[in-house]
Amino acid sequence: MSFVFDDKDILITGGTGSFGKKFIKILLERYKPRRVIVYSRDELKQFEMQQKFNQPCMRYFIGDVRDRERLETAMYHVDYVVHAAAIKQVPAAEYNPMECIKTNVMGAQNVIDAAIKRGVKKVIALSTDKAANPVNLYGATKLCSDKLFCAANNLVGDRPTRFSVVRYGNVVGSRGSVVPFFKKLVADGAKELPITDPRMTRFWLRLEDGVDFVLKNFQRMQGGETFIPKIPSMRIMDLAKAIAPDLPTKIIGIRPGEKLHEIMCPADIYYDTLEFDDHFVIMPSTHYREDIDYRVDALGGKGRPVPDGFEYNSGTNKHFLTVEELREMNQHL
């Protein structure tokens, strides 16, 4: 990987979250950035993060993505932006819909406007499998966000800023995910594990693999793409066996806004989907430049159209993790 991040200024919104901390750890291990700016609204999390990441290049900005002027201040002379800030808990979004919209949709537009105004070179927004054929408000707001970032390339004119999206599935051990929840129940002496539905599957990704994918796509991107990694799926019953093989399970029913299976490439837009060796690309619905051939990325990788009606679904995925593989992944958390 070429050293595109050396002597550059990188800002990450929502930088105190699980992804932000891992992203910054890997960034500092591999590169020599001029500045790494953590932009988030929780001063306690920033204070705790400063105890671990206190290198001279680190900067900590208190700010909310709902505040466009503050974003403009934070993006002064910034080269690259990762937009990771979001309201992500599905039940919380269902109960507080307008708050989710203010952060995930209006906040996304604020990031776009600030990046264009400050001449940021490249912006990658993090998405989720829940944005594909969404059935809950969180997924719907992330689909809106994805559309905003892809369409933002139409606004830049002759300015240098380019926008792309990275979409992936559940991250093993991230805050609020099922793995730490199950582990806490086991540690607290639970007599059974609650299962929403025994048929449930999810795409499953290690956090460091997600960071690697984002870093790589800063080099691949031309603007407007939605990048989707090829990753394995897991069955919820297999995960329960991996974490607590001796505990019985109790079926409690699907929570509001949940799906049995997740989708990352919808069949409805198979004609805009390209398959590369280790990932898929969904092309923008409107091409901001007719001279871009998305079948060849900026690193020379070559993609091909997917078959008619193709859908990338966690329930029909070719690769499922075994109980042993899940147990091994969980041991490293």
C-alpha atoms as a PDB file:
ATOM      1  CA  MET A   1       0.000   0.000   0.000  1.00  0.00           C
ATOM      2  CA  SER A   2       1.436   3.329  -1.016  1.00  0.00           C
ATOM      3  CA  PHE A   3       2.014   5.868   1.722  1.00  0.00           C
ATOM      4  CA  VAL A   4      -0.836   8.196   0.795  1.00  0.00           C
ATOM      5  CA  PHE A   5      -1.452   9.156   4.429  1.00  0.00           C
ATOM      6  CA  ASP A   6       2.065  10.289   5.254  1.00  0.00           C
ATOM      7  CA  ASP A   7       2.251  14.038   5.988  1.00  0.00           C
ATOM      8  CA  LYS A   8      -1.524  14.374   5.470  1.00  0.00           C
ATOM      9  CA  ASP A   9      -4.307  15.723   7.651  1.00  0.00           C
ATOM     10  CA  ILE A  10      -7.078  13.208   8.376  1.00  0.00           C
ATOM     11  CA  LEU A  11     -10.339  13.914  10.206  1.00  0.00           C
ATOM     12  CA  ILE A  12     -12.754  11.281  11.482  1.00  0.00           C
ATOM     13  CA  THR A  13     -16.229  12.185  12.678  1.00  0.00           C
ATOM     14  CA  GLY A  14     -17.464  10.034  15.531  1.00  0.00           C
ATOM     15  CA  GLY A  15     -13.810   9.295  16.152  1.00  0.00           C
ATOM     16  CA  THR A  16     -14.243   8.011  19.724  1.00  0.00           C
ATOM     17  CA  GLY A  17     -16.359   5.044  18.593  1.00  0.00           C
ATOM     18  CA  SER A  18     -15.179   1.477  18.034  1.00  0.00           C
ATOM     19  CA  PHE A  19     -14.256   2.078  14.406  1.00  0.00           C
ATOM     20  CA  GLY A  20     -12.591   5.425  15.089  1.00  0.00           C
ATOM     21  CA  LYS A  21     -10.280   4.052  17.766  1.00  0.00           C
ATOM     22  CA  LYS A  22      -9.220   1.084  15.652  1.00  0.00           C
ATOM     23  CA  PHE A  23      -8.835   3.277  12.560  1.00  0.00           C
ATOM     24  CA  ILE A  24      -6.561   5.710  14.397  1.00  0.00           C
ATOM     25  CA  LYS A  25      -4.526   2.901  15.976  1.00  0.00           C
ATOM     26  CA  ILE A  26      -3.826   1.345  12.569  1.00  0.00           C
ATOM     27  CA  LEU A  27      -3.270   4.737  10.923  1.00  0.00           C
ATOM     28  CA  LEU A  28      -0.592   5.676  13.479  1.00  0.00           C
ATOM     29  CA  GLU A  29       1.076   2.259  13.261  1.00  0.00           C
ATOM     30  CA  ARG A  30       1.405   2.312   9.472  1.00  0.00           C
ATOM     31  CA  TYR A  31       1.764   5.947   8.511  1.00  0.00           C
ATOM     32  CA  LYS A  32       3.126   9.296   9.617  1.00  0.00           C
ATOM     33  CA  PRO A  33       0.200  11.704   9.287  1.00  0.00           C
ATOM     34  CA  ARG A  34       0.671  15.398   9.950  1.00  0.00           C
ATOM     35  CA  ARG A  35      -2.590  15.673  11.907  1.00  0.00           C
ATOM     36  CA  VAL A  36      -5.253  13.192  12.968  1.00  0.00           C
ATOM     37  CA  ILE A  37      -8.400  15.011  14.095  1.00  0.00           C
ATOM     38  CA  VAL A  38     -10.995  13.294  16.270  1.00  0.00           C
ATOM     39  CA  TYR A  39     -14.305  15.102  15.841  1.00  0.00           C
ATOM     40  CA  SER A  40     -17.026  14.047  18.290  1.00  0.00           C
ATOM     41  CA  ARG A  41     -19.413  15.457  20.867  1.00  0.00           C
ATOM     42  CA  ASP A  42     -18.566  13.466  24.032  1.00  0.00           C
ATOM     43  CA  GLU A  43     -15.807  15.176  26.016  1.00  0.00           C
ATOM     44  CA  LEU A  44     -15.450  12.245  28.445  1.00  0.00           C
ATOM     45  CA  LYS A  45     -14.784   9.767  25.638  1.00  0.00           C
ATOM     46  CA  GLN A  46     -12.288  12.203  24.126  1.00  0.00           C
ATOM     47  CA  PHE A  47     -10.540  12.603  27.490  1.00  0.00           C
ATOM     48  CA  GLU A  48     -10.299   8.814  27.866  1.00  0.00           C
ATOM     49  CA  MET A  49      -9.049   8.467  24.299  1.00  0.00           C
ATOM     50  CA  GLN A  50      -6.354  11.093  24.867  1.00  0.00           C
ATOM     51  CA  GLN A  51      -4.832   8.885  27.549  1.00  0.00           C
ATOM     52  CA  LYS A  52      -4.112   6.275  24.886  1.00  0.00           C
ATOM     53  CA  PHE A  53      -3.596   8.365  21.755  1.00  0.00           C
ATOM     54  CA  ASN A  54      -1.527  11.382  22.795  1.00  0.00           C
ATOM     55  CA  GLN A  55       0.952  11.594  19.914  1.00  0.00           C
ATOM     56  CA  PRO A  56       1.907  15.120  18.750  1.00  0.00           C
ATOM     57  CA  CYS A  57      -0.177  14.704  15.591  1.00  0.00           C
ATOM     58  CA  MET A  58      -3.402  14.084  17.508  1.00  0.00           C
ATOM     59  CA  ARG A  59      -6.094  16.764  17.728  1.00  0.00           C
ATOM     60  CA  TYR A  60      -9.399  16.520  19.593  1.00  0.00           C
ATOM     61  CA  PHE A  61     -12.331  18.663  18.477  1.00  0.00           C
ATOM     62  CA  ILE A  62     -15.555  18.793  20.460  1.00  0.00           C
ATOM     63  CA  GLY A  63     -18.294  19.176  17.903  1.00  0.00           C
ATOM     64  CA  ASP A  64     -21.507  17.718  16.522  1.00  0.00           C
ATOM     65  CA  VAL A  65     -22.094  16.864  12.864  1.00  0.00           C
ATOM     66  CA  ARG A  66     -25.330  18.835  13.223  1.00  0.00           C
ATOM     67  CA  ASP A  67     -23.139  21.962  13.461  1.00  0.00           C
ATOM     68  CA  ARG A  68     -21.903  22.850   9.959  1.00  0.00           C
ATOM     69  CA  GLU A  69     -19.851  25.884  11.052  1.00  0.00           C
ATOM     70  CA  ARG A  70     -17.943  23.799  13.584  1.00  0.00           C
ATOM     71  CA  LEU A  71     -17.277  21.167  10.908  1.00  0.00           C
ATOM     72  CA  GLU A  72     -15.902  23.864   8.617  1.00  0.00           C
ATOM     73  CA  THR A  73     -13.530  24.986  11.354  1.00  0.00           C
ATOM     74  CA  ALA A  74     -12.389  21.424  12.030  1.00  0.00           C
ATOM     75  CA  MET A  75     -11.800  20.674   8.319  1.00  0.00           C
ATOM     76  CA  TYR A  76      -9.438  23.589   7.737  1.00  0.00           C
ATOM     77  CA  HIS A  77      -6.505  22.237   5.625  1.00  0.00           C
ATOM     78  CA  VAL A  78      -7.795  18.651   5.975  1.00  0.00           C
ATOM     79  CA  ASP A  79      -6.935  16.208   3.165  1.00  0.00           C
ATOM     80  CA  TYR A  80      -9.117  13.191   3.975  1.00  0.00           C
ATOM     81  CA  VAL A  81     -12.312  12.682   5.985  1.00  0.00           C
ATOM     82  CA  VAL A  82     -13.874   9.492   7.318  1.00  0.00           C
ATOM     83  CA  HIS A  83     -17.491  10.064   8.314  1.00  0.00           C
ATOM     84  CA  ALA A  84     -18.295   7.541  11.053  1.00  0.00           C
ATOM     85  CA  ALA A  85     -20.612   9.611  13.274  1.00  0.00           C
ATOM     86  CA  ALA A  86     -24.169   8.292  13.456  1.00  0.00           C
ATOM     87  CA  ILE A  87     -27.023   7.319  15.718  1.00  0.00           C
ATOM     88  CA  LYS A  88     -26.785   3.557  15.198  1.00  0.00           C
ATOM     89  CA  GLN A  89     -28.961   1.714  17.703  1.00  0.00           C
ATOM     90  CA  VAL A  90     -32.052   0.440  15.862  1.00  0.00           C
ATOM     91  CA  PRO A  91     -34.500   0.602  18.824  1.00  0.00           C
ATOM     92  CA  ALA A  92     -33.271   4.067  19.836  1.00  0.00           C
ATOM     93  CA  ALA A  93     -33.805   5.320  16.282  1.00  0.00           C
ATOM     94  CA  GLU A  94     -37.320   3.841  16.185  1.00  0.00           C
ATOM     95  CA  TYR A  95     -38.205   5.638  19.430  1.00  0.00           C
ATOM     96  CA  ASN A  96     -36.436   8.921  18.578  1.00  0.00           C
ATOM     97  CA  PRO A  97     -36.838   9.193  14.802  1.00  0.00           C
ATOM     98  CA  MET A  98     -36.236  12.913  14.367  1.00  0.00           C
ATOM     99  CA  GLU A  99     -33.025  12.806  16.406  1.00  0.00           C
ATOM    100  CA  CYS A 100     -31.757  10.035  14.136  1.00  0.00           C
ATOM    101  CA  ILE A 101     -32.668  12.067  11.042  1.00  0.00           C
ATOM    102  CA  LYS A 102     -30.930  15.188  12.373  1.00  0.00           C
ATOM    103  CA  THR A 103     -27.650  13.328  12.880  1.00  0.00           C
ATOM    104  CA  ASN A 104     -27.647  10.725  10.115  1.00  0.00           C
ATOM    105  CA  VAL A 105     -29.200  12.746   7.269  1.00  0.00           C
ATOM    106  CA  MET A 106     -28.768  16.435   8.059  1.00  0.00           C
ATOM    107  CA  GLY A 107     -25.390  15.733   9.649  1.00  0.00           C
ATOM    108  CA  ALA A 108     -24.294  13.933   6.479  1.00  0.00           C
ATOM    109  CA  GLN A 109     -25.159  16.984   4.365  1.00  0.00           C
ATOM    110  CA  ASN A 110     -23.239  19.202   6.783  1.00  0.00           C
ATOM    111  CA  VAL A 111     -20.147  17.012   6.369  1.00  0.00           C
ATOM    112  CA  ILE A 112     -20.534  17.258   2.582  1.00  0.00           C
ATOM    113  CA  ASP A 113     -20.952  21.041   2.589  1.00  0.00           C
ATOM    114  CA  ALA A 114     -17.990  21.575   4.922  1.00  0.00           C
ATOM    115  CA  ALA A 115     -15.741  19.234   2.919  1.00  0.00           C
ATOM    116  CA  ILE A 116     -16.521  21.027  -0.355  1.00  0.00           C
ATOM    117  CA  LYS A 117     -16.042  24.454   1.184  1.00  0.00           C
ATOM    118  CA  ARG A 118     -12.671  23.467   2.689  1.00  0.00           C
ATOM    119  CA  GLY A 119     -11.418  21.659  -0.413  1.00  0.00           C
ATOM    120  CA  VAL A 120     -11.007  18.256   1.237  1.00  0.00           C
ATOM    121  CA  LYS A 121      -9.580  15.808  -1.314  1.00  0.00           C
ATOM    122  CA  LYS A 122     -11.458  12.617  -0.446  1.00  0.00           C
ATOM    123  CA  VAL A 123     -14.334  11.712   1.870  1.00  0.00           C
ATOM    124  CA  ILE A 124     -15.474   8.190   2.717  1.00  0.00           C
ATOM    125  CA  ALA A 125     -18.751   7.766   4.584  1.00  0.00           C
ATOM    126  CA  LEU A 126     -19.373   4.563   6.517  1.00  0.00           C
ATOM    127  CA  SER A 127     -22.639   2.798   5.760  1.00  0.00           C
ATOM    128  CA  THR A 128     -24.331  -0.381   6.951  1.00  0.00           C
ATOM    129  CA  ASP A 129     -26.046  -3.447   5.558  1.00  0.00           C
ATOM    130  CA  LYS A 130     -29.244  -2.041   7.085  1.00  0.00           C
ATOM    131  CA  ALA A 131     -29.199   0.692   4.398  1.00  0.00           C
ATOM    132  CA  ALA A 132     -29.981  -1.900   1.708  1.00  0.00           C
ATOM    133  CA  ASN A 133     -33.753  -2.408   1.373  1.00  0.00           C
ATOM    134  CA  PRO A 134     -34.228  -0.788   4.800  1.00  0.00           C
ATOM    135  CA  VAL A 135     -37.050  -1.824   7.114  1.00  0.00           C
ATOM    136  CA  ASN A 136     -36.094   0.395  10.065  1.00  0.00           C
ATOM    137  CA  LEU A 137     -35.498   4.111  10.444  1.00  0.00           C
ATOM    138  CA  TYR A 138     -31.775   3.720  11.096  1.00  0.00           C
ATOM    139  CA  GLY A 139     -31.351   1.881   7.788  1.00  0.00           C
ATOM    140  CA  ALA A 140     -33.521   4.414   5.986  1.00  0.00           C
ATOM    141  CA  THR A 141     -31.450   7.342   7.277  1.00  0.00           C
ATOM    142  CA  LYS A 142     -28.228   5.597   6.264  1.00  0.00           C
ATOM    143  CA  LEU A 143     -29.626   4.981   2.780  1.00  0.00           C
ATOM    144  CA  CYS A 144     -30.406   8.713   2.592  1.00  0.00           C
ATOM    145  CA  SER A 145     -26.868   9.446   3.772  1.00  0.00           C
ATOM    146  CA  ASP A 146     -25.385   7.103   1.157  1.00  0.00           C
ATOM    147  CA  LYS A 147     -27.382   8.826  -1.585  1.00  0.00           C
ATOM    148  CA  LEU A 148     -26.278  12.252  -0.358  1.00  0.00           C
ATOM    149  CA  PHE A 149     -22.595  11.317  -0.412  1.00  0.00           C
ATOM    150  CA  CYS A 150     -22.730   9.669  -3.832  1.00  0.00           C
ATOM    151  CA  ALA A 151     -24.686  12.578  -5.332  1.00  0.00           C
ATOM    152  CA  ALA A 152     -22.358  15.119  -3.707  1.00  0.00           C
ATOM    153  CA  ASN A 153     -19.889  14.474  -6.530  1.00  0.00           C
ATOM    154  CA  ASN A 154     -22.351  16.283  -8.807  1.00  0.00           C
ATOM    155  CA  LEU A 155     -21.917  19.443  -6.733  1.00  0.00           C
ATOM    156  CA  VAL A 156     -18.143  19.851  -6.757  1.00  0.00           C
ATOM    157  CA  GLY A 157     -17.640  21.187 -10.283  1.00  0.00           C
ATOM    158  CA  ASP A 158     -13.918  21.793 -10.841  1.00  0.00           C
ATOM    159  CA  ARG A 159     -13.115  21.523  -7.132  1.00  0.00           C
ATOM    160  CA  PRO A 160     -10.985  18.567  -5.962  1.00  0.00           C
ATOM    161  CA  THR A 161     -13.337  16.934  -3.451  1.00  0.00           C
ATOM    162  CA  ARG A 162     -14.540  13.379  -4.120  1.00  0.00           C
ATOM    163  CA  PHE A 163     -17.029  11.345  -2.094  1.00  0.00           C
ATOM    164  CA  SER A 164     -17.549   7.579  -1.781  1.00  0.00           C
ATOM    165  CA  VAL A 165     -19.274   5.167   0.597  1.00  0.00           C
ATOM    166  CA  VAL A 166     -18.120   1.976   2.332  1.00  0.00           C
ATOM    167  CA  ARG A 167     -20.880  -0.424   3.381  1.00  0.00           C
ATOM    168  CA  TYR A 168     -20.308  -3.502   5.519  1.00  0.00           C
ATOM    169  CA  GLY A 169     -22.079  -5.756   8.014  1.00  0.00           C
ATOM    170  CA  ASN A 170     -21.928  -6.379  11.738  1.00  0.00           C
ATOM    171  CA  VAL A 171     -18.553  -5.768  13.362  1.00  0.00           C
ATOM    172  CA  VAL A 172     -17.459  -8.417  15.859  1.00  0.00           C
ATOM    173  CA  GLY A 173     -17.418  -6.983  19.369  1.00  0.00           C
ATOM    174  CA  SER A 174     -18.354  -3.401  18.513  1.00  0.00           C
ATOM    175  CA  ARG A 175     -20.236  -1.385  21.108  1.00  0.00           C
ATOM    176  CA  GLY A 176     -23.858  -2.457  21.405  1.00  0.00           C
ATOM    177  CA  SER A 177     -23.362  -5.652  19.365  1.00  0.00           C
ATOM    178  CA  VAL A 178     -24.489  -9.115  20.385  1.00  0.00           C
ATOM    179  CA  VAL A 179     -21.071 -10.546  21.325  1.00  0.00           C
ATOM    180  CA  PRO A 180     -20.349  -8.290  24.347  1.00  0.00           C
ATOM    181  CA  PHE A 181     -24.028  -8.621  25.294  1.00  0.00           C
ATOM    182  CA  PHE A 182     -23.828 -12.429  25.328  1.00  0.00           C
ATOM    183  CA  LYS A 183     -20.477 -12.358  27.132  1.00  0.00           C
ATOM    184  CA  LYS A 184     -21.841 -10.103  29.866  1.00  0.00           C
ATOM    185  CA  LEU A 185     -24.811 -12.421  30.375  1.00  0.00           C
ATOM    186  CA  VAL A 186     -22.453 -15.385  30.743  1.00  0.00           C
ATOM    187  CA  ALA A 187     -20.204 -13.465  33.160  1.00  0.00           C
ATOM    188  CA  ASP A 188     -23.248 -12.477  35.229  1.00  0.00           C
ATOM    189  CA  GLY A 189     -24.288 -16.113  35.576  1.00  0.00           C
ATOM    190  CA  ALA A 190     -27.219 -16.183  33.162  1.00  0.00           C
ATOM    191  CA  LYS A 191     -29.045 -19.535  32.898  1.00  0.00           C
ATOM    192  CA  GLU A 192     -29.939 -19.048  29.222  1.00  0.00           C
ATOM    193  CA  LEU A 193     -29.155 -16.851  26.222  1.00  0.00           C
ATOM    194  CA  PRO A 194     -31.954 -14.833  24.600  1.00  0.00           C
ATOM    195  CA  ILE A 195     -32.284 -15.442  20.838  1.00  0.00           C
ATOM    196  CA  THR A 196     -34.560 -13.265  18.734  1.00  0.00           C
ATOM    197  CA  ASP A 197     -35.034 -15.906  16.010  1.00  0.00           C
ATOM    198  CA  PRO A 198     -33.037 -19.132  15.498  1.00  0.00           C
ATOM    199  CA  ARG A 199     -33.011 -18.619  11.711  1.00  0.00           C
ATOM    200  CA  MET A 200     -31.245 -15.255  11.928  1.00  0.00           C
ATOM    201  CA  THR A 201     -27.998 -14.660  10.010  1.00  0.00           C
ATOM    202  CA  ARG A 202     -25.662 -11.698   9.792  1.00  0.00           C
ATOM    203  CA  PHE A 203     -22.620 -10.622   7.793  1.00  0.00           C
ATOM    204  CA  TRP A 204     -19.652 -10.817  10.161  1.00  0.00           C
ATOM    205  CA  LEU A 205     -16.515  -8.679  10.018  1.00  0.00           C
ATOM    206  CA  ARG A 206     -13.499  -8.094  12.238  1.00  0.00           C
ATOM    207  CA  LEU A 207     -12.942  -4.425  13.036  1.00  0.00           C
ATOM    208  CA  GLU A 208      -9.383  -4.385  11.675  1.00  0.00           C
ATOM    209  CA  ASP A 209     -10.638  -5.838   8.377  1.00  0.00           C
ATOM    210  CA  GLY A 210     -13.161  -3.011   8.154  1.00  0.00           C
ATOM    211  CA  VAL A 211     -10.416  -0.442   8.729  1.00  0.00           C
ATOM    212  CA  ASP A 212      -8.182  -2.073   6.107  1.00  0.00           C
ATOM    213  CA  PHE A 213     -11.047  -1.967   3.625  1.00  0.00           C
ATOM    214  CA  VAL A 214     -11.646   1.739   4.230  1.00  0.00           C
ATOM    215  CA  LEU A 215      -7.933   2.577   3.906  1.00  0.00           C
ATOM    216  CA  LYS A 216      -7.710   0.638   0.646  1.00  0.00           C
ATOM    217  CA  ASN A 217     -10.745   2.357  -0.806  1.00  0.00           C
ATOM    218  CA  PHE A 218      -9.220   5.802  -0.314  1.00  0.00           C
ATOM    219  CA  GLN A 219      -6.851   4.672  -3.048  1.00  0.00           C
ATOM    220  CA  ARG A 220      -9.399   2.822  -5.193  1.00  0.00           C
ATOM    221  CA  MET A 221     -12.108   5.485  -5.217  1.00  0.00           C
ATOM    222  CA  GLN A 222     -12.923   7.742  -8.143  1.00  0.00           C
ATOM    223  CA  GLY A 223     -16.037   9.232  -6.569  1.00  0.00           C
ATOM    224  CA  GLY A 224     -19.612   8.021  -6.264  1.00  0.00           C
ATOM    225  CA  GLU A 225     -18.947   4.347  -5.579  1.00  0.00           C
ATOM    226  CA  THR A 226     -20.401   2.288  -2.744  1.00  0.00           C
ATOM    227  CA  PHE A 227     -17.758  -0.277  -1.796  1.00  0.00           C
ATOM    228  CA  ILE A 228     -18.890  -3.574  -0.232  1.00  0.00           C
ATOM    229  CA  PRO A 229     -16.403  -6.215   1.004  1.00  0.00           C
ATOM    230  CA  LYS A 230     -16.844  -9.940   0.432  1.00  0.00           C
ATOM    231  CA  ILE A 231     -17.135 -11.224   3.988  1.00  0.00           C
ATOM    232  CA  PRO A 232     -18.524 -14.325   5.720  1.00  0.00           C
ATOM    233  CA  SER A 233     -21.900 -14.756   7.379  1.00  0.00           C
ATOM    234  CA  MET A 234     -22.738 -16.281  10.745  1.00  0.00           C
ATOM    235  CA  ARG A 235     -25.811 -18.016  12.147  1.00  0.00           C
ATOM    236  CA  ILE A 236     -27.007 -16.661  15.487  1.00  0.00           C
ATOM    237  CA  MET A 237     -27.382 -20.173  16.920  1.00  0.00           C
ATOM    238  CA  ASP A 238     -23.770 -20.946  15.975  1.00  0.00           C
ATOM    239  CA  LEU A 239     -22.649 -17.754  17.717  1.00  0.00           C
ATOM    240  CA  ALA A 240     -24.517 -18.770  20.866  1.00  0.00           C
ATOM    241  CA  LYS A 241     -22.794 -22.177  20.789  1.00  0.00           C
ATOM    242  CA  ALA A 242     -19.411 -20.529  20.309  1.00  0.00           C
ATOM    243  CA  ILE A 243     -19.840 -18.222  23.301  1.00  0.00           C
ATOM    244  CA  ALA A 244     -21.735 -20.473  25.710  1.00  0.00           C
ATOM    245  CA  PRO A 245     -21.905 -24.064  24.439  1.00  0.00           C
ATOM    246  CA  ASP A 246     -23.500 -25.363  27.659  1.00  0.00           C
ATOM    247  CA  LEU A 247     -26.229 -22.747  28.035  1.00  0.00           C
ATOM    248  CA  PRO A 248     -29.745 -23.302  26.667  1.00  0.00           C
ATOM    249  CA  THR A 249     -31.355 -20.607  24.529  1.00  0.00           C
ATOM    250  CA  LYS A 250     -34.693 -18.848  24.838  1.00  0.00           C
ATOM    251  CA  ILE A 251     -36.528 -17.489  21.792  1.00  0.00           C
ATOM    252  CA  ILE A 252     -37.755 -13.950  22.527  1.00  0.00           C
ATOM    253  CA  GLY A 253     -38.877 -12.755  19.080  1.00  0.00           C
ATOM    254  CA  ILE A 254     -37.499 -10.220  16.622  1.00  0.00           C
ATOM    255  CA  ARG A 255     -37.061  -6.685  17.943  1.00  0.00           C
ATOM    256  CA  PRO A 256     -38.699  -3.680  16.228  1.00  0.00           C
ATOM    257  CA  GLY A 257     -36.962  -2.945  12.943  1.00  0.00           C
ATOM    258  CA  GLU A 258     -34.970  -6.187  12.751  1.00  0.00           C
ATOM    259  CA  LYS A 259     -34.593  -8.503   9.753  1.00  0.00           C
ATOM    260  CA  LEU A 260     -33.965 -12.242   9.660  1.00  0.00           C
ATOM    261  CA  HIS A 261     -31.192 -11.725   7.116  1.00  0.00           C
ATOM    262  CA  GLU A 262     -29.268  -8.672   5.957  1.00  0.00           C
ATOM    263  CA  ILE A 263     -28.563  -7.523   2.404  1.00  0.00           C
ATOM    264  CA  MET A 264     -25.612  -5.497   1.147  1.00  0.00           C
ATOM    265  CA  CYS A 265     -26.213  -5.582  -2.622  1.00  0.00           C
ATOM    266  CA  PRO A 266     -29.959  -5.466  -3.400  1.00  0.00           C
ATOM    267  CA  ALA A 267     -31.298  -7.436  -6.363  1.00  0.00           C
ATOM    268  CA  ASP A 268     -33.272  -4.360  -7.411  1.00  0.00           C
ATOM    269  CA  ILE A 269     -30.083  -2.611  -8.567  1.00  0.00           C
ATOM    270  CA  TYR A 270     -28.049  -5.572  -9.834  1.00  0.00           C
ATOM    271  CA  TYR A 271     -27.491  -3.619 -13.067  1.00  0.00           C
ATOM    272  CA  ASP A 272     -25.455  -1.024 -11.151  1.00  0.00           C
ATOM    273  CA  THR A 273     -23.397  -3.651  -9.285  1.00  0.00           C
ATOM    274  CA  LEU A 274     -19.895  -4.769 -10.229  1.00  0.00           C
ATOM    275  CA  GLU A 275     -17.955  -7.695  -8.776  1.00  0.00           C
ATOM    276  CA  PHE A 276     -14.213  -7.406  -8.095  1.00  0.00           C
ATOM    277  CA  ASP A 277     -11.933 -10.086  -6.644  1.00  0.00           C
ATOM    278  CA  ASP A 278     -12.542  -9.276  -2.971  1.00  0.00           C
ATOM    279  CA  HIS A 279     -15.399  -6.763  -3.053  1.00  0.00           C
ATOM    280  CA  PHE A 280     -18.414  -5.393  -4.875  1.00  0.00           C
ATOM    281  CA  VAL A 281     -19.053  -1.861  -6.122  1.00  0.00           C
ATOM    282  CA  ILE A 282     -22.459  -0.276  -6.544  1.00  0.00           C
ATOM    283  CA  MET A 283     -22.099   2.466  -9.115  1.00  0.00           C
ATOM    284  CA  PRO A 284     -23.856   5.808  -8.565  1.00  0.00           C
ATOM    285  CA  SER A 285     -27.296   6.095 -10.120  1.00  0.00           C
ATOM    286  CA  THR A 286     -26.165   9.318 -11.830  1.00  0.00           C
ATOM    287  CA  HIS A 287     -22.592   9.534 -13.101  1.00  0.00           C
ATOM    288  CA  TYR A 288     -21.133  12.929 -12.331  1.00  0.00           C
ATOM    289  CA  ARG A 289     -18.476  12.434 -15.020  1.00  0.00           C
ATOM    290  CA  GLU A 290     -19.088  10.439 -18.157  1.00  0.00           C
ATOM    291  CA  ASP A 291     -15.380   9.705 -18.591  1.00  0.00           C
ATOM    292  CA  ILE A 292     -15.203   7.487 -15.456  1.00  0.00           C
ATOM    293  CA  ASP A 293     -15.242   3.750 -16.123  1.00  0.00           C
ATOM    294  CA  TYR A 294     -16.163   2.189 -12.785  1.00  0.00           C
ATOM    295  CA  ARG A 295     -15.221  -1.245 -14.130  1.00  0.00           C
ATOM    296  CA  VAL A 296     -11.581  -0.216 -13.579  1.00  0.00           C
ATOM    297  CA  ASP A 297     -10.758   1.373 -10.235  1.00  0.00           C
ATOM    298  CA  ALA A 298      -8.024   3.923  -9.515  1.00  0.00           C
ATOM    299  CA  LEU A 299      -5.586   1.116  -8.612  1.00  0.00           C
ATOM    300  CA  GLY A 300      -6.232  -0.758 -11.856  1.00  0.00           C
ATOM    301  CA  GLY A 301      -8.506  -3.412 -10.310  1.00  0.00           C
ATOM    302  CA  LYS A 302     -11.022  -4.759 -12.812  1.00  0.00           C
ATOM    303  CA  GLY A 303     -14.675  -5.505 -12.105  1.00  0.00           C
ATOM    304  CA  ARG A 304     -17.377  -7.282 -14.051  1.00  0.00           C
ATOM    305  CA  PRO A 305     -21.171  -7.026 -14.049  1.00  0.00           C
ATOM    306  CA  VAL A 306     -23.012  -9.394 -11.711  1.00  0.00           C
ATOM    307  CA  PRO A 307     -25.640 -11.830 -13.058  1.00  0.00           C
ATOM    308  CA  ASP A 308     -29.234 -10.661 -13.555  1.00  0.00           C
ATOM    309  CA  GLY A 309     -31.070 -10.475 -10.248  1.00  0.00           C
ATOM    310  CA  PHE A 310     -27.905 -10.893  -8.151  1.00  0.00           C
ATOM    311  CA  GLU A 311     -28.327 -10.219  -4.434  1.00  0.00           C
ATOM    312  CA  TYR A 312     -25.649 -10.290  -1.734  1.00  0.00           C
ATOM    313  CA  ASN A 313     -27.617 -11.688   1.220  1.00  0.00           C
ATOM    314  CA  SER A 314     -26.313 -12.941   4.585  1.00  0.00           C
ATOM    315  CA  GLY A 315     -28.705 -15.903   4.417  1.00  0.00           C
ATOM    316  CA  THR A 316     -27.563 -17.116   0.984  1.00  0.00           C
ATOM    317  CA  ASN A 317     -23.898 -16.170   1.326  1.00  0.00           C
ATOM    318  CA  LYS A 318     -21.445 -18.798   0.052  1.00  0.00           C
ATOM    319  CA  HIS A 319     -19.211 -18.480   3.133  1.00  0.00           C
ATOM    320  CA  PHE A 320     -20.530 -19.198   6.645  1.00  0.00           C
ATOM    321  CA  LEU A 321     -18.301 -19.208   9.712  1.00  0.00           C
ATOM    322  CA  THR A 322     -18.202 -22.419  11.731  1.00  0.00           C
ATOM    323  CA  VAL A 323     -18.725 -22.546  15.490  1.00  0.00           C
ATOM    324  CA  GLU A 324     -14.975 -23.074  15.893  1.00  0.00           C
ATOM    325  CA  GLU A 325     -14.132 -20.080  13.716  1.00  0.00           C
ATOM    326  CA  LEU A 326     -16.574 -17.911  15.657  1.00  0.00           C
ATOM    327  CA  ARG A 327     -15.090 -19.063  18.946  1.00  0.00           C
ATOM    328  CA  GLU A 328     -11.595 -18.211  17.736  1.00  0.00           C
ATOM    329  CA  MET A 329     -12.655 -14.738  16.588  1.00  0.00           C
ATOM    330  CA  ASN A 330     -14.349 -14.037  19.919  1.00  0.00           C
ATOM    331  CA  GLN A 331     -11.259 -15.055  21.892  1.00  0.00           C
ATOM    332  CA  HIS A 332      -9.306 -12.184  20.328  1.00  0.00           C
ATOM    333  CA  LEU A 333     -11.739  -9.471  21.443  1.00  0.00           C
END
